[in-house]
């Protein structure tokens, strides 16, 4: 018998943990109305004091049914839930800000890496072009020295030097 009472109480405690606010409010209103009925039944000849008390209790019951947020007792019972909700909202906001910061840092690092890779590639291309131009100049000088000085040939080598110089300066700018 005692075991079954213990189980019932446990079940009652477990089920009350999982109730939402609407169920809790309904349960509170039900208990309050039950209290009013029992109080009314106990009083055989209500006096003025009892009439005032009953009117206060009925007004409170009406407030609980229509606007429970206006009663301090109801607010006090919801205070822990409100605190927990506020803490969770603050935590979610902080996590969101952290995730945005991490994403921004990752973006900046990736951008810097890509820009550095682009600079290195550009330098390599520039060096190869400069080497090619220098090699052509070298070949042109060797040809000039090997053939001797001919009027037509010196003109063509000068023309080649001018073309190479303009290509080189165009590349640098």
Protein backbone atom coordinates (compact mmCIF):
# COMPACT_ATOMS: atom_id res chain seq x y z
CA UNK A 1 0.00 0.00 0.00
CA UNK A 2 2.76 2.44 0.95
CA UNK A 3 4.68 1.43 -2.16
CA UNK A 4 1.73 2.26 -4.41
CA UNK A 5 1.36 5.70 -2.75
CA UNK A 6 5.06 6.33 -3.30
CA UNK A 7 4.71 5.40 -6.96
CA UNK A 8 1.70 7.66 -7.39
CA UNK A 9 3.53 10.59 -5.82
CA UNK A 10 6.56 9.90 -8.02
CA UNK A 11 4.36 9.74 -11.09
CA UNK A 12 2.66 12.98 -10.04
CA UNK A 13 6.05 14.72 -9.58
CA UNK A 14 7.36 13.40 -12.91
CA UNK A 15 4.26 14.46 -14.81
CA UNK A 16 4.31 17.96 -13.29
CA UNK A 17 7.84 18.53 -14.61
CA UNK A 18 6.70 18.10 -18.20
CA UNK A 19 3.64 20.36 -18.14
CA UNK A 20 3.67 23.53 -20.15
CA UNK A 21 2.58 26.95 -18.90
CA UNK A 22 -1.02 26.58 -20.07
CA UNK A 23 -1.44 23.29 -18.22
CA UNK A 24 0.08 24.80 -15.08
CA UNK A 25 -2.24 27.79 -15.28
CA UNK A 26 -5.27 25.54 -15.78
CA UNK A 27 -4.21 23.42 -12.83
CA UNK A 28 -3.72 26.53 -10.68
CA UNK A 29 -7.13 27.88 -11.63
CA UNK A 30 -8.73 24.50 -10.98
CA UNK A 31 -7.15 24.27 -7.52
CA UNK A 32 -8.22 27.81 -6.72
CA UNK A 33 -11.82 27.20 -7.79
CA UNK A 34 -11.84 23.95 -5.79
CA UNK A 35 -10.60 25.91 -2.79
CA UNK A 36 -13.43 28.41 -3.26
CA UNK A 37 -16.01 25.66 -3.42
CA UNK A 38 -14.68 23.95 -0.32
CA UNK A 39 -14.52 27.27 1.53
CA UNK A 40 -18.08 28.05 0.52
CA UNK A 41 -19.26 24.62 1.65
CA UNK A 42 -17.66 24.99 5.08
CA UNK A 43 -19.37 28.26 5.79
CA UNK A 44 -22.94 27.69 6.86
CA UNK A 45 -23.79 31.27 7.66
CA UNK A 46 -21.35 33.58 5.93
CA UNK A 47 -20.62 36.76 7.78
CA UNK A 48 -19.61 40.08 6.30
CA UNK A 49 -15.92 39.15 6.67
CA UNK A 50 -16.51 35.88 4.85
CA UNK A 51 -18.46 37.60 2.08
CA UNK A 52 -15.56 40.01 1.53
CA UNK A 53 -13.10 37.14 1.50
CA UNK A 54 -15.22 35.18 -0.97
CA UNK A 55 -15.55 38.21 -3.25
CA UNK A 56 -11.76 38.73 -3.14
CA UNK A 57 -11.19 35.08 -3.94
CA UNK A 58 -13.68 35.09 -6.79
CA UNK A 59 -12.08 38.25 -8.22
CA UNK A 60 -8.70 36.56 -8.00
CA UNK A 61 -10.10 33.48 -9.74
CA UNK A 62 -11.52 35.71 -12.48
CA UNK A 63 -8.12 37.39 -12.94
CA UNK A 64 -6.44 33.98 -13.11
CA UNK A 65 -8.81 32.92 -15.87
CA UNK A 66 -8.60 36.10 -17.91
CA UNK A 67 -5.26 37.84 -17.15
CA UNK A 68 -2.96 35.64 -15.09
CA UNK A 69 0.07 37.84 -15.80
CA UNK A 70 -1.43 40.62 -13.66
CA UNK A 71 -1.21 38.55 -10.45
CA UNK A 72 2.03 38.54 -8.47
CA UNK A 73 1.62 34.97 -7.32
CA UNK A 74 1.39 33.76 -10.90
CA UNK A 75 4.39 35.88 -11.92
CA UNK A 76 6.39 34.52 -9.01
CA UNK A 77 5.70 30.96 -10.10
CA UNK A 78 6.76 31.75 -13.67
CA UNK A 79 9.89 33.67 -12.61
CA UNK A 80 12.27 30.65 -12.72
CA UNK A 81 11.01 29.70 -16.20
CA UNK A 82 11.42 33.29 -17.36
CA UNK A 83 14.97 33.42 -15.98
CA UNK A 84 15.87 30.15 -17.69
CA UNK A 85 14.42 31.37 -20.98
CA UNK A 86 16.32 34.65 -20.76
CA UNK A 87 19.56 32.80 -20.00
CA UNK A 88 19.03 30.49 -22.98
CA UNK A 89 18.29 33.42 -25.28
CA UNK A 90 21.45 35.21 -24.13
CA UNK A 91 23.46 32.02 -24.64
CA UNK A 92 22.07 31.54 -28.17
CA UNK A 93 22.86 35.15 -29.02
CA UNK A 94 26.44 34.77 -27.77
CA UNK A 95 26.88 31.54 -29.74
CA UNK A 96 25.55 33.23 -32.88
CA UNK A 97 27.96 36.17 -32.47
CA UNK A 98 30.85 33.73 -31.92
CA UNK A 99 29.91 31.74 -35.04
CA UNK A 100 29.78 34.96 -37.10
CA UNK A 101 33.18 36.02 -35.77
CA UNK A 102 34.68 32.62 -36.59
CA UNK A 103 33.25 32.75 -40.11
CA UNK A 104 34.61 36.29 -40.60
CA UNK A 105 38.10 35.26 -39.42
CA UNK A 106 38.05 32.21 -41.70
CA UNK A 107 37.02 34.40 -44.63
CA UNK A 108 39.82 36.90 -43.95
CA UNK A 109 42.43 34.14 -43.67
CA UNK A 110 41.27 32.52 -46.91
CA UNK A 111 41.26 35.88 -48.70
CA UNK A 112 44.81 36.64 -47.54
CA UNK A 113 45.99 33.19 -48.62
CA UNK A 114 44.44 33.56 -52.10
CA UNK A 115 45.87 37.07 -52.53
CA UNK A 116 49.35 35.87 -51.53
CA UNK A 117 49.10 32.96 -53.97
CA UNK A 118 48.04 35.39 -56.71
CA UNK A 119 51.00 37.70 -55.94
CA UNK A 120 53.45 34.80 -56.08
CA UNK A 121 52.00 33.63 -59.42
CA UNK A 122 52.19 37.15 -60.84
CA UNK A 123 55.84 37.45 -59.76
CA UNK A 124 56.67 34.10 -61.37
CA UNK A 125 55.07 35.15 -64.66
CA UNK A 126 56.88 38.50 -64.54
CA UNK A 127 60.24 36.79 -63.89
CA UNK A 128 59.68 34.37 -66.77
CA UNK A 129 58.83 37.22 -69.14
CA UNK A 130 61.89 39.19 -68.05
CA UNK A 131 64.07 36.09 -68.52
CA UNK A 132 62.60 35.57 -71.99
CA UNK A 133 63.27 39.19 -72.95
CA UNK A 134 66.83 39.00 -71.64
CA UNK A 135 67.40 35.76 -73.54
CA UNK A 136 66.16 37.35 -76.78
CA UNK A 137 68.44 40.34 -76.22
CA UNK A 138 71.36 38.03 -75.58
CA UNK A 139 70.66 36.09 -78.77
CA UNK A 140 70.28 39.32 -80.70
CA UNK A 141 73.66 40.58 -79.40
CA UNK A 142 75.32 37.28 -80.26
CA UNK A 143 73.89 37.40 -83.77
CA UNK A 144 75.01 40.99 -84.12
CA UNK A 145 78.54 40.19 -82.96
CA UNK A 146 78.74 37.04 -85.07
CA UNK A 147 77.66 38.56 -88.40
CA UNK A 148 79.61 41.73 -88.23
CA UNK A 149 78.29 45.17 -88.84
CA UNK A 150 75.95 45.46 -91.71
CA UNK A 151 73.77 48.55 -92.20
CA UNK A 152 70.55 46.63 -92.71
CA UNK A 153 71.24 44.24 -89.87
CA UNK A 154 72.04 46.94 -87.32
CA UNK A 155 68.76 48.65 -88.19
CA UNK A 156 66.80 45.42 -87.64
CA UNK A 157 68.56 44.75 -84.31
CA UNK A 158 67.78 48.28 -83.16
CA UNK A 159 64.19 47.74 -84.15
CA UNK A 160 64.12 44.47 -82.15
CA UNK A 161 65.58 46.24 -79.09
CA UNK A 162 62.93 48.95 -79.30
CA UNK A 163 60.15 46.39 -79.59
CA UNK A 164 61.51 44.37 -76.64
CA UNK A 165 61.92 47.48 -74.50
CA UNK A 166 58.36 48.65 -75.14
CA UNK A 167 57.00 45.17 -74.40
CA UNK A 168 59.03 45.07 -71.18
CA UNK A 169 57.83 48.51 -70.05
CA UNK A 170 54.23 47.69 -70.94
CA UNK A 171 54.45 44.58 -68.80
CA UNK A 172 55.83 46.49 -65.81
CA UNK A 173 53.01 49.01 -65.88
